[in-house]
PDB file of N, CA and C in Angstrom:
ATOM      1  N   MET A   1      38.551 -18.007  20.946  1.00  0.00           N
ATOM      2  CA  MET A   1      37.912 -16.795  20.508  1.00  0.00           C
ATOM      3  C   MET A   1      36.424 -17.033  20.329  1.00  0.00           C
ATOM      4  N   GLY A   2      35.645 -16.092  20.770  1.00  0.00           N
ATOM      5  CA  GLY A   2      34.186 -16.199  20.642  1.00  0.00           C
ATOM      6  C   GLY A   2      33.711 -15.666  19.294  1.00  0.00           C
ATOM      7  N   ALA A   3      32.587 -16.150  18.889  1.00  0.00           N
ATOM      8  CA  ALA A   3      31.978 -15.675  17.635  1.00  0.00           C
ATOM      9  C   ALA A   3      31.073 -14.489  17.953  1.00  0.00           C
ATOM     10  N   PHE A   4      31.143 -13.522  17.117  1.00  0.00           N
ATOM     11  CA  PHE A   4      30.305 -12.342  17.294  1.00  0.00           C
ATOM     12  C   PHE A   4      29.263 -12.305  16.187  1.00  0.00           C
ATOM     13  N   ILE A   5      28.076 -11.975  16.587  1.00  0.00           N
ATOM     14  CA  ILE A   5      27.002 -11.804  15.600  1.00  0.00           C
ATOM     15  C   ILE A   5      26.842 -10.318  15.363  1.00  0.00           C
ATOM     16  N   VAL A   6      26.952  -9.946  14.128  1.00  0.00           N
ATOM     17  CA  VAL A   6      26.807  -8.550  13.758  1.00  0.00           C
ATOM     18  C   VAL A   6      25.467  -8.383  13.054  1.00  0.00           C
ATOM     19  N   TRP A   7      24.614  -7.589  13.627  1.00  0.00           N
ATOM     20  CA  TRP A   7      23.319  -7.311  13.017  1.00  0.00           C
ATOM     21  C   TRP A   7      23.460  -6.062  12.158  1.00  0.00           C
ATOM     22  N   GLU A   8      23.021  -6.183  10.936  1.00  0.00           N
ATOM     23  CA  GLU A   8      23.063  -5.029  10.047  1.00  0.00           C
ATOM     24  C   GLU A   8      21.800  -4.213  10.252  1.00  0.00           C
ATOM     25  N   VAL A   9      21.969  -2.946  10.391  1.00  0.00           N
ATOM     26  CA  VAL A   9      20.842  -2.039  10.497  1.00  0.00           C
ATOM     27  C   VAL A   9      20.790  -1.264   9.195  1.00  0.00           C
ATOM     28  N   LEU A  10      19.718  -1.471   8.473  1.00  0.00           N
ATOM     29  CA  LEU A  10      19.552  -0.814   7.184  1.00  0.00           C
ATOM     30  C   LEU A  10      18.616   0.366   7.350  1.00  0.00           C
ATOM     31  N   ILE A  11      19.128   1.523   7.090  1.00  0.00           N
ATOM     32  CA  ILE A  11      18.325   2.734   7.162  1.00  0.00           C
ATOM     33  C   ILE A  11      17.911   3.078   5.739  1.00  0.00           C
ATOM     34  N   LEU A  12      16.607   3.170   5.551  1.00  0.00           N
ATOM     35  CA  LEU A  12      16.063   3.413   4.223  1.00  0.00           C
ATOM     36  C   LEU A  12      15.785   4.893   4.052  1.00  0.00           C
ATOM     37  N   ASN A  13      16.465   5.500   3.126  1.00  0.00           N
ATOM     38  CA  ASN A  13      16.166   6.865   2.729  1.00  0.00           C
ATOM     39  C   ASN A  13      15.466   6.789   1.397  1.00  0.00           C
ATOM     40  N   CYS A  14      14.201   7.102   1.391  1.00  0.00           N
ATOM     41  CA  CYS A  14      13.394   6.931   0.198  1.00  0.00           C
ATOM     42  C   CYS A  14      12.439   8.115   0.085  1.00  0.00           C
ATOM     43  N   ARG A  15      12.288   8.625  -1.100  1.00  0.00           N
ATOM     44  CA  ARG A  15      11.348   9.713  -1.345  1.00  0.00           C
ATOM     45  C   ARG A  15       9.979   9.145  -1.664  1.00  0.00           C
ATOM     46  N   ILE A  16       8.967   9.957  -1.471  1.00  0.00           N
ATOM     47  CA  ILE A  16       7.601   9.519  -1.784  1.00  0.00           C
ATOM     48  C   ILE A  16       7.496   9.160  -3.259  1.00  0.00           C
ATOM     49  N   ASP A  17       8.147   9.891  -4.115  1.00  0.00           N
ATOM     50  CA  ASP A  17       8.110   9.596  -5.548  1.00  0.00           C
ATOM     51  C   ASP A  17       8.744   8.234  -5.848  1.00  0.00           C
ATOM     52  N   ASP A  18       9.787   7.866  -5.106  1.00  0.00           N
ATOM     53  CA  ASP A  18      10.394   6.551  -5.284  1.00  0.00           C
ATOM     54  C   ASP A  18       9.442   5.442  -4.845  1.00  0.00           C
ATOM     55  N   MET A  19       8.673   5.669  -3.790  1.00  0.00           N
ATOM     56  CA  MET A  19       7.713   4.675  -3.304  1.00  0.00           C
ATOM     57  C   MET A  19       6.601   4.439  -4.327  1.00  0.00           C
ATOM     58  N   ARG A  20       6.229   5.476  -5.069  1.00  0.00           N
ATOM     59  CA  ARG A  20       5.120   5.358  -6.012  1.00  0.00           C
ATOM     60  C   ARG A  20       5.441   4.440  -7.187  1.00  0.00           C
ATOM     61  N   HIS A  21       6.690   4.124  -7.410  1.00  0.00           N
ATOM     62  CA  HIS A  21       7.076   3.259  -8.527  1.00  0.00           C
ATOM     63  C   HIS A  21       7.282   1.811  -8.102  1.00  0.00           C
ATOM     64  N   LYS A  22       6.945   1.484  -6.861  1.00  0.00           N
ATOM     65  CA  LYS A  22       7.166   0.122  -6.371  1.00  0.00           C
ATOM     66  C   LYS A  22       5.860  -0.683  -6.393  1.00  0.00           C
ATOM     67  N   GLU A  23       5.978  -1.957  -6.730  1.00  0.00           N
ATOM     68  CA  GLU A  23       4.845  -2.873  -6.713  1.00  0.00           C
ATOM     69  C   GLU A  23       4.715  -3.465  -5.317  1.00  0.00           C
ATOM     70  N   VAL A  24       3.484  -3.685  -4.868  1.00  0.00           N
ATOM     71  CA  VAL A  24       3.234  -4.247  -3.545  1.00  0.00           C
ATOM     72  C   VAL A  24       2.730  -5.676  -3.720  1.00  0.00           C
ATOM     73  N   ILE A  25       3.386  -6.622  -3.039  1.00  0.00           N
ATOM     74  CA  ILE A  25       3.044  -8.032  -3.139  1.00  0.00           C
ATOM     75  C   ILE A  25       2.782  -8.573  -1.736  1.00  0.00           C
ATOM     76  N   ASN A  26       1.691  -9.328  -1.602  1.00  0.00           N
ATOM     77  CA  ASN A  26       1.328  -9.935  -0.338  1.00  0.00           C
ATOM     78  C   ASN A  26       2.091 -11.245  -0.167  1.00  0.00           C
ATOM     79  N   VAL A  27       2.820 -11.397   0.936  1.00  0.00           N
ATOM     80  CA  VAL A  27       3.606 -12.615   1.153  1.00  0.00           C
ATOM     81  C   VAL A  27       2.738 -13.793   1.580  1.00  0.00           C
ATOM     82  N   LYS A  28       1.518 -13.541   2.035  1.00  0.00           N
ATOM     83  CA  LYS A  28       0.634 -14.626   2.461  1.00  0.00           C
ATOM     84  C   LYS A  28       0.216 -15.511   1.298  1.00  0.00           C
ATOM     85  N   ASP A  29      -0.120 -14.879   0.156  1.00  0.00           N
ATOM     86  CA  ASP A  29      -0.603 -15.659  -0.982  1.00  0.00           C
ATOM     87  C   ASP A  29       0.083 -15.315  -2.298  1.00  0.00           C
ATOM     88  N   GLY A  30       1.024 -14.395  -2.282  1.00  0.00           N
ATOM     89  CA  GLY A  30       1.766 -14.050  -3.480  1.00  0.00           C
ATOM     90  C   GLY A  30       1.021 -13.175  -4.454  1.00  0.00           C
ATOM     91  N   VAL A  31      -0.091 -12.597  -4.057  1.00  0.00           N
ATOM     92  CA  VAL A  31      -0.907 -11.775  -4.944  1.00  0.00           C
ATOM     93  C   VAL A  31      -0.306 -10.381  -5.070  1.00  0.00           C
ATOM     94  N   ARG A  32      -0.279  -9.879  -6.303  1.00  0.00           N
ATOM     95  CA  ARG A  32       0.153  -8.505  -6.565  1.00  0.00           C
ATOM     96  C   ARG A  32      -1.019  -7.589  -6.225  1.00  0.00           C
ATOM     97  N   LEU A  33      -0.833  -6.706  -5.252  1.00  0.00           N
ATOM     98  CA  LEU A  33      -1.903  -5.817  -4.811  1.00  0.00           C
ATOM     99  C   LEU A  33      -1.981  -4.544  -5.638  1.00  0.00           C
ATOM    100  N   GLY A  34      -0.881  -4.146  -6.262  1.00  0.00           N
ATOM    101  CA  GLY A  34      -0.855  -2.930  -7.065  1.00  0.00           C
ATOM    102  C   GLY A  34       0.354  -2.081  -6.723  1.00  0.00           C
ATOM    103  N   GLY A  35       0.339  -0.878  -7.195  1.00  0.00           N
ATOM    104  CA  GLY A  35       1.427   0.052  -6.930  1.00  0.00           C
ATOM    105  C   GLY A  35       1.047   1.034  -5.834  1.00  0.00           C
ATOM    106  N   VAL A  36       2.044   1.538  -5.135  1.00  0.00           N
ATOM    107  CA  VAL A  36       1.799   2.524  -4.079  1.00  0.00           C
ATOM    108  C   VAL A  36       1.294   3.800  -4.727  1.00  0.00           C
ATOM    109  N   CYS A  37       0.152   4.286  -4.261  1.00  0.00           N
ATOM    110  CA  CYS A  37      -0.434   5.511  -4.807  1.00  0.00           C
ATOM    111  C   CYS A  37      -0.314   6.695  -3.863  1.00  0.00           C
ATOM    112  N   ASP A  38      -0.344   6.407  -2.570  1.00  0.00           N
ATOM    113  CA  ASP A  38      -0.344   7.492  -1.596  1.00  0.00           C
ATOM    114  C   ASP A  38       0.227   6.978  -0.276  1.00  0.00           C
ATOM    115  N   LEU A  39       0.576   7.892   0.594  1.00  0.00           N
ATOM    116  CA  LEU A  39       1.082   7.557   1.924  1.00  0.00           C
ATOM    117  C   LEU A  39       0.250   8.283   2.965  1.00  0.00           C
ATOM    118  N   GLU A  40       0.004   7.626   4.096  1.00  0.00           N
ATOM    119  CA  GLU A  40      -0.597   8.293   5.239  1.00  0.00           C
ATOM    120  C   GLU A  40       0.522   8.613   6.208  1.00  0.00           C
ATOM    121  N   ILE A  41       0.584   9.864   6.626  1.00  0.00           N
ATOM    122  CA  ILE A  41       1.665  10.313   7.507  1.00  0.00           C
ATOM    123  C   ILE A  41       1.074  10.795   8.818  1.00  0.00           C
ATOM    124  N   ASP A  42       1.643  10.325   9.927  1.00  0.00           N
ATOM    125  CA  ASP A  42       1.251  10.779  11.253  1.00  0.00           C
ATOM    126  C   ASP A  42       1.899  12.145  11.469  1.00  0.00           C
ATOM    127  N   THR A  43       1.088  13.172  11.582  1.00  0.00           N
ATOM    128  CA  THR A  43       1.628  14.532  11.671  1.00  0.00           C
ATOM    129  C   THR A  43       2.254  14.832  13.029  1.00  0.00           C
ATOM    130  N   GLU A  44       1.889  14.059  14.056  1.00  0.00           N
ATOM    131  CA  GLU A  44       2.478  14.303  15.372  1.00  0.00           C
ATOM    132  C   GLU A  44       3.906  13.783  15.456  1.00  0.00           C
ATOM    133  N   THR A  45       4.165  12.620  14.847  1.00  0.00           N
ATOM    134  CA  THR A  45       5.499  12.027  14.925  1.00  0.00           C
ATOM    135  C   THR A  45       6.293  12.194  13.633  1.00  0.00           C
ATOM    136  N   ALA A  46       5.646  12.690  12.584  1.00  0.00           N
ATOM    137  CA  ALA A  46       6.277  12.876  11.262  1.00  0.00           C
ATOM    138  C   ALA A  46       6.794  11.555  10.704  1.00  0.00           C
ATOM    139  N   ARG A  47       6.032  10.478  10.899  1.00  0.00           N
ATOM    140  CA  ARG A  47       6.384   9.158  10.383  1.00  0.00           C
ATOM    141  C   ARG A  47       5.285   8.647   9.469  1.00  0.00           C
ATOM    142  N   VAL A  48       5.687   7.778   8.563  1.00  0.00           N
ATOM    143  CA  VAL A  48       4.709   7.159   7.672  1.00  0.00           C
ATOM    144  C   VAL A  48       3.886   6.167   8.478  1.00  0.00           C
ATOM    145  N   ALA A  49       2.556   6.291   8.411  1.00  0.00           N
ATOM    146  CA  ALA A  49       1.663   5.407   9.158  1.00  0.00           C
ATOM    147  C   ALA A  49       1.162   4.261   8.292  1.00  0.00           C
ATOM    148  N   ALA A  50       0.991   4.509   6.984  1.00  0.00           N
ATOM    149  CA  ALA A  50       0.451   3.474   6.100  1.00  0.00           C
ATOM    150  C   ALA A  50       0.725   3.842   4.654  1.00  0.00           C
ATOM    151  N   ILE A  51       0.662   2.823   3.788  1.00  0.00           N
ATOM    152  CA  ILE A  51       0.698   3.074   2.344  1.00  0.00           C
ATOM    153  C   ILE A  51      -0.691   2.771   1.804  1.00  0.00           C
ATOM    154  N   VAL A  52      -1.074   3.490   0.752  1.00  0.00           N
ATOM    155  CA  VAL A  52      -2.405   3.349   0.176  1.00  0.00           C
ATOM    156  C   VAL A  52      -2.270   2.933  -1.281  1.00  0.00           C
ATOM    157  N   ILE A  53      -3.054   1.918  -1.652  1.00  0.00           N
ATOM    158  CA  ILE A  53      -3.127   1.465  -3.036  1.00  0.00           C
ATOM    159  C   ILE A  53      -4.552   1.721  -3.494  1.00  0.00           C
ATOM    160  N   TYR A  54      -4.719   2.580  -4.500  1.00  0.00           N
ATOM    161  CA  TYR A  54      -6.061   2.888  -4.982  1.00  0.00           C
ATOM    162  C   TYR A  54      -6.681   1.659  -5.629  1.00  0.00           C
ATOM    163  N   GLY A  55      -7.993   1.517  -5.485  1.00  0.00           N
ATOM    164  CA  GLY A  55      -8.713   0.404  -6.084  1.00  0.00           C
ATOM    165  C   GLY A  55      -8.692   0.480  -7.603  1.00  0.00           C
ATOM    166  N   ARG A  56      -8.869  -0.675  -8.232  1.00  0.00           N
ATOM    167  CA  ARG A  56      -8.877  -0.737  -9.696  1.00  0.00           C
ATOM    168  C   ARG A  56     -10.134  -0.087 -10.248  1.00  0.00           C
ATOM    169  N   LEU A  57     -10.019   0.465 -11.458  1.00  0.00           N
ATOM    170  CA  LEU A  57     -11.158   1.094 -12.118  1.00  0.00           C
ATOM    171  C   LEU A  57     -12.172   0.043 -12.565  1.00  0.00           C
ATOM    172  N   ARG A  58     -13.442   0.395 -12.508  1.00  0.00           N
ATOM    173  CA  ARG A  58     -14.511  -0.469 -13.007  1.00  0.00           C
ATOM    174  C   ARG A  58     -15.038   0.133 -14.303  1.00  0.00           C
ATOM    175  N   CYS A  59     -15.065  -0.645 -15.341  1.00  0.00           N
ATOM    176  CA  CYS A  59     -15.552  -0.200 -16.669  1.00  0.00           C
ATOM    177  C   CYS A  59     -14.886   1.108 -17.083  1.00  0.00           C
ATOM    178  N   PHE A  60     -13.560   1.101 -17.102  1.00  0.00           N
ATOM    179  CA  PHE A  60     -12.755   2.253 -17.509  1.00  0.00           C
ATOM    180  C   PHE A  60     -13.031   3.483 -16.651  1.00  0.00           C
ATOM    181  N   GLY A  61     -13.448   3.289 -15.418  1.00  0.00           N
ATOM    182  CA  GLY A  61     -13.708   4.397 -14.513  1.00  0.00           C
ATOM    183  C   GLY A  61     -15.124   4.925 -14.559  1.00  0.00           C
ATOM    184  N   LEU A  62     -15.950   4.414 -15.464  1.00  0.00           N
ATOM    185  CA  LEU A  62     -17.324   4.897 -15.565  1.00  0.00           C
ATOM    186  C   LEU A  62     -18.165   4.483 -14.357  1.00  0.00           C
ATOM    187  N   LEU A  63     -17.865   3.340 -13.781  1.00  0.00           N
ATOM    188  CA  LEU A  63     -18.611   2.858 -12.617  1.00  0.00           C
ATOM    189  C   LEU A  63     -17.816   3.008 -11.333  1.00  0.00           C
ATOM    190  N   GLY A  64     -16.827   3.871 -11.344  1.00  0.00           N
ATOM    191  CA  GLY A  64     -16.054   4.134 -10.147  1.00  0.00           C
ATOM    192  C   GLY A  64     -14.875   3.198  -9.981  1.00  0.00           C
ATOM    193  N   ARG A  65     -14.492   2.996  -8.746  1.00  0.00           N
ATOM    194  CA  ARG A  65     -13.332   2.173  -8.406  1.00  0.00           C
ATOM    195  C   ARG A  65     -13.732   1.103  -7.406  1.00  0.00           C
ATOM    196  N   GLU A  66     -12.860   0.088  -7.304  1.00  0.00           N
ATOM    197  CA  GLU A  66     -12.973  -0.865  -6.211  1.00  0.00           C
ATOM    198  C   GLU A  66     -12.466  -0.186  -4.945  1.00  0.00           C
ATOM    199  N   ASP A  67     -12.561  -0.870  -3.818  1.00  0.00           N
ATOM    200  CA  ASP A  67     -12.101  -0.303  -2.548  1.00  0.00           C
ATOM    201  C   ASP A  67     -10.600  -0.059  -2.572  1.00  0.00           C
ATOM    202  N   ASP A  68     -10.171   1.001  -1.879  1.00  0.00           N
ATOM    203  CA  ASP A  68      -8.747   1.262  -1.700  1.00  0.00           C
ATOM    204  C   ASP A  68      -8.188   0.269  -0.689  1.00  0.00           C
ATOM    205  N   ILE A  69      -6.903  -0.014  -0.797  1.00  0.00           N
ATOM    206  CA  ILE A  69      -6.228  -0.893   0.147  1.00  0.00           C
ATOM    207  C   ILE A  69      -5.275  -0.044   0.976  1.00  0.00           C
ATOM    208  N   VAL A  70      -5.436  -0.095   2.286  1.00  0.00           N
ATOM    209  CA  VAL A  70      -4.570   0.645   3.198  1.00  0.00           C
ATOM    210  C   VAL A  70      -3.765  -0.379   3.993  1.00  0.00           C
ATOM    211  N   ILE A  71      -2.446  -0.295   3.884  1.00  0.00           N
ATOM    212  CA  ILE A  71      -1.560  -1.241   4.562  1.00  0.00           C
ATOM    213  C   ILE A  71      -0.757  -0.479   5.611  1.00  0.00           C
ATOM    214  N   ARG A  72      -0.908  -0.905   6.867  1.00  0.00           N
ATOM    215  CA  ARG A  72      -0.193  -0.240   7.954  1.00  0.00           C
ATOM    216  C   ARG A  72       1.314  -0.430   7.797  1.00  0.00           C
ATOM    217  N   TRP A  73       2.066   0.511   8.280  1.00  0.00           N
ATOM    218  CA  TRP A  73       3.523   0.470   8.186  1.00  0.00           C
ATOM    219  C   TRP A  73       4.091  -0.758   8.900  1.00  0.00           C
ATOM    220  N   GLN A  74       3.439  -1.195   9.971  1.00  0.00           N
ATOM    221  CA  GLN A  74       3.899  -2.354  10.721  1.00  0.00           C
ATOM    222  C   GLN A  74       3.758  -3.643   9.904  1.00  0.00           C
ATOM    223  N   ASP A  75       2.879  -3.667   8.905  1.00  0.00           N
ATOM    224  CA  ASP A  75       2.656  -4.864   8.094  1.00  0.00           C
ATOM    225  C   ASP A  75       3.627  -4.988   6.919  1.00  0.00           C
ATOM    226  N   ILE A  76       4.471  -3.984   6.718  1.00  0.00           N
ATOM    227  CA  ILE A  76       5.466  -4.045   5.650  1.00  0.00           C
ATOM    228  C   ILE A  76       6.648  -4.872   6.143  1.00  0.00           C
ATOM    229  N   GLN A  77       7.015  -5.873   5.353  1.00  0.00           N
ATOM    230  CA  GLN A  77       8.105  -6.752   5.771  1.00  0.00           C
ATOM    231  C   GLN A  77       9.427  -6.375   5.109  1.00  0.00           C
ATOM    232  N   VAL A  78       9.415  -6.143   3.790  1.00  0.00           N
ATOM    233  CA  VAL A  78      10.649  -5.831   3.069  1.00  0.00           C
ATOM    234  C   VAL A  78      10.345  -4.756   2.031  1.00  0.00           C
ATOM    235  N   ILE A  79      11.223  -3.774   1.960  1.00  0.00           N
ATOM    236  CA  ILE A  79      11.150  -2.779   0.885  1.00  0.00           C
ATOM    237  C   ILE A  79      12.377  -2.986   0.020  1.00  0.00           C
ATOM    238  N   GLY A  80      12.145  -3.441  -1.204  1.00  0.00           N
ATOM    239  CA  GLY A  80      13.239  -3.688  -2.126  1.00  0.00           C
ATOM    240  C   GLY A  80      13.358  -2.579  -3.150  1.00  0.00           C
ATOM    241  N   ASP A  81      14.205  -2.811  -4.161  1.00  0.00           N
ATOM    242  CA  ASP A  81      14.399  -1.810  -5.210  1.00  0.00           C
ATOM    243  C   ASP A  81      13.147  -1.626  -6.057  1.00  0.00           C
ATOM    244  N   ASP A  82      12.449  -2.728  -6.358  1.00  0.00           N
ATOM    245  CA  ASP A  82      11.287  -2.665  -7.241  1.00  0.00           C
ATOM    246  C   ASP A  82       9.983  -3.048  -6.572  1.00  0.00           C
ATOM    247  N   THR A  83      10.048  -3.781  -5.459  1.00  0.00           N
ATOM    248  CA  THR A  83       8.836  -4.293  -4.828  1.00  0.00           C
ATOM    249  C   THR A  83       8.831  -4.039  -3.323  1.00  0.00           C
ATOM    250  N   ILE A  84       7.622  -4.101  -2.782  1.00  0.00           N
ATOM    251  CA  ILE A  84       7.420  -4.031  -1.344  1.00  0.00           C
ATOM    252  C   ILE A  84       6.656  -5.285  -0.964  1.00  0.00           C
ATOM    253  N   LEU A  85       7.208  -6.070  -0.038  1.00  0.00           N
ATOM    254  CA  LEU A  85       6.547  -7.279   0.434  1.00  0.00           C
ATOM    255  C   LEU A  85       5.822  -6.963   1.729  1.00  0.00           C
ATOM    256  N   VAL A  86       4.525  -7.303   1.769  1.00  0.00           N
ATOM    257  CA  VAL A  86       3.711  -6.982   2.933  1.00  0.00           C
ATOM    258  C   VAL A  86       3.012  -8.234   3.445  1.00  0.00           C
ATOM    259  N   ASN A  87       2.690  -8.221   4.717  1.00  0.00           N
ATOM    260  CA  ASN A  87       1.885  -9.258   5.334  1.00  0.00           C
ATOM    261  C   ASN A  87       0.499  -8.648   5.499  1.00  0.00           C
ATOM    262  N   TYR A  88      -0.331  -8.791   4.469  1.00  0.00           N
ATOM    263  CA  TYR A  88      -1.596  -8.073   4.377  1.00  0.00           C
ATOM    264  C   TYR A  88      -2.765  -8.992   4.683  1.00  0.00           C
ATOM    265  N   ASN A  89      -3.641  -8.530   5.557  1.00  0.00           N
ATOM    266  CA  ASN A  89      -4.870  -9.229   5.873  1.00  0.00           C
ATOM    267  C   ASN A  89      -5.984  -8.540   5.092  1.00  0.00           C
ATOM    268  N   SER A  90      -6.723  -9.266   4.281  1.00  0.00           N
ATOM    269  CA  SER A  90      -7.724  -8.666   3.401  1.00  0.00           C
ATOM    270  C   SER A  90      -8.867  -8.011   4.158  1.00  0.00           C
ATOM    271  N   LEU A  91      -8.948  -8.184   5.474  1.00  0.00           N
ATOM    272  CA  LEU A  91      -9.999  -7.543   6.246  1.00  0.00           C
ATOM    273  C   LEU A  91      -9.708  -6.068   6.503  1.00  0.00           C
ATOM    274  N   CYS A  92      -8.527  -5.582   6.101  1.00  0.00           N
ATOM    275  CA  CYS A  92      -8.132  -4.202   6.367  1.00  0.00           C
ATOM    276  C   CYS A  92      -8.529  -3.245   5.251  1.00  0.00           C
ATOM    277  N   ARG A  93      -9.358  -3.686   4.311  1.00  0.00           N
ATOM    278  CA  ARG A  93      -9.752  -2.807   3.209  1.00  0.00           C
ATOM    279  C   ARG A  93     -10.596  -1.650   3.714  1.00  0.00           C
ATOM    280  N   THR A  94     -10.467  -0.518   3.051  1.00  0.00           N
ATOM    281  CA  THR A  94     -11.290   0.630   3.386  1.00  0.00           C
ATOM    282  C   THR A  94     -12.103   1.010   2.173  1.00  0.00           C
ATOM    283  N   LYS A  95     -13.235   1.554   2.388  1.00  0.00           N
ATOM    284  CA  LYS A  95     -14.135   1.925   1.306  1.00  0.00           C
ATOM    285  C   LYS A  95     -13.754   3.308   0.809  1.00  0.00           C
ATOM    286  N   GLY A  96     -13.536   3.414  -0.489  1.00  0.00           N
ATOM    287  CA  GLY A  96     -13.259   4.704  -1.088  1.00  0.00           C
ATOM    288  C   GLY A  96     -14.553   5.380  -1.485  1.00  0.00           C
ATOM    289  N   PRO A  97     -14.536   6.680  -1.679  1.00  0.00           N
ATOM    290  CA  PRO A  97     -15.754   7.366  -2.099  1.00  0.00           C
ATOM    291  C   PRO A  97     -16.113   6.982  -3.530  1.00  0.00           C
ATOM    292  N   PRO A  98     -17.398   6.988  -3.878  1.00  0.00           N
ATOM    293  CA  PRO A  98     -17.776   6.658  -5.252  1.00  0.00           C
ATOM    294  C   PRO A  98     -17.247   7.701  -6.229  1.00  0.00           C
ATOM    295  N   HIS A  99     -16.822   7.224  -7.397  1.00  0.00           N
ATOM    296  CA  HIS A  99     -16.275   8.097  -8.432  1.00  0.00           C
ATOM    297  C   HIS A  99     -16.982   7.812  -9.746  1.00  0.00           C
ATOM    298  N   GLY A 100     -16.869   8.708 -10.684  1.00  0.00           N
ATOM    299  CA  GLY A 100     -17.359   8.470 -12.033  1.00  0.00           C
ATOM    300  C   GLY A 100     -18.873   8.468 -12.122  1.00  0.00           C
ATOM    301  N   LEU A 101     -19.399   7.883 -13.198  1.00  0.00           N
ATOM    302  CA  LEU A 101     -20.835   7.853 -13.431  1.00  0.00           C
ATOM    303  C   LEU A 101     -21.568   7.015 -12.396  1.00  0.00           C
ATOM    304  N   GLY A 102     -20.865   6.087 -11.777  1.00  0.00           N
ATOM    305  CA  GLY A 102     -21.489   5.283 -10.741  1.00  0.00           C
ATOM    306  C   GLY A 102     -22.014   6.121  -9.597  1.00  0.00           C
ATOM    307  N   SER A 103     -21.319   7.197  -9.270  1.00  0.00           N
ATOM    308  CA  SER A 103     -21.786   8.057  -8.180  1.00  0.00           C
ATOM    309  C   SER A 103     -22.982   8.900  -8.632  1.00  0.00           C
ATOM    310  N   ILE A 104     -23.077   9.201  -9.912  1.00  0.00           N
ATOM    311  CA  ILE A 104     -24.194   9.983 -10.419  1.00  0.00           C
ATOM    312  C   ILE A 104     -25.482   9.161 -10.394  1.00  0.00           C
ATOM    313  N   PHE A 105     -25.386   7.899 -10.813  1.00  0.00           N
ATOM    314  CA  PHE A 105     -26.564   7.041 -10.892  1.00  0.00           C
ATOM    315  C   PHE A 105     -26.839   6.284  -9.606  1.00  0.00           C
ATOM    316  N   GLY A 106     -26.080   6.541  -8.571  1.00  0.00           N
ATOM    317  CA  GLY A 106     -26.315   5.897  -7.296  1.00  0.00           C
ATOM    318  C   GLY A 106     -25.885   4.452  -7.252  1.00  0.00           C
ATOM    319  N   TYR A 107     -24.885   4.073  -8.063  1.00  0.00           N
ATOM    320  CA  TYR A 107     -24.400   2.699  -8.095  1.00  0.00           C
ATOM    321  C   TYR A 107     -23.744   2.344  -6.781  1.00  0.00           C
ATOM    322  N   LYS A 108     -24.199   1.280  -6.150  1.00  0.00           N
ATOM    323  CA  LYS A 108     -23.616   0.815  -4.895  1.00  0.00           C
ATOM    324  C   LYS A 108     -22.640  -0.293  -5.165  1.00  0.00           C
ATOM    325  N   TYR A 109     -21.543  -0.309  -4.422  1.00  0.00           N
ATOM    326  CA  TYR A 109     -20.512  -1.311  -4.621  1.00  0.00           C
ATOM    327  C   TYR A 109     -20.951  -2.553  -3.984  1.00  0.00           C
TER     328      TYR A 109
END
C-alpha cells in the first residue's frame, strides 16, 4: 500500500473587526509591530491587498505620529487566533500625513 499525503487547506473566514484585535509580529526579528488598524482592499478583485498598522504617537499625539506600516498580503505567513506572523522588510514603510500640533508648527519627521 502506498502512503498518501493529505494537504489541509485552511479557509479563513475573518471579519475586519476580528483582524483589528490581532497583534502583528515580524518573523525576521521577532519584533512586535503593533495591532492591525486598517485594511487595503483591491476593489477590482474584492481581495485584501495589505494590512495597515498606524504609527505610534509622538508626545501623546502632540507631535503627530511615526510612519504607518503597510504589509502586503503576500508577506503574511500565518494568521492565528491572537497574532499575525509576517515576513516584513522595514523598507516598505510609508509616510503618513502629519497630525497634531506638529503639522501646525511645521514639524518634519
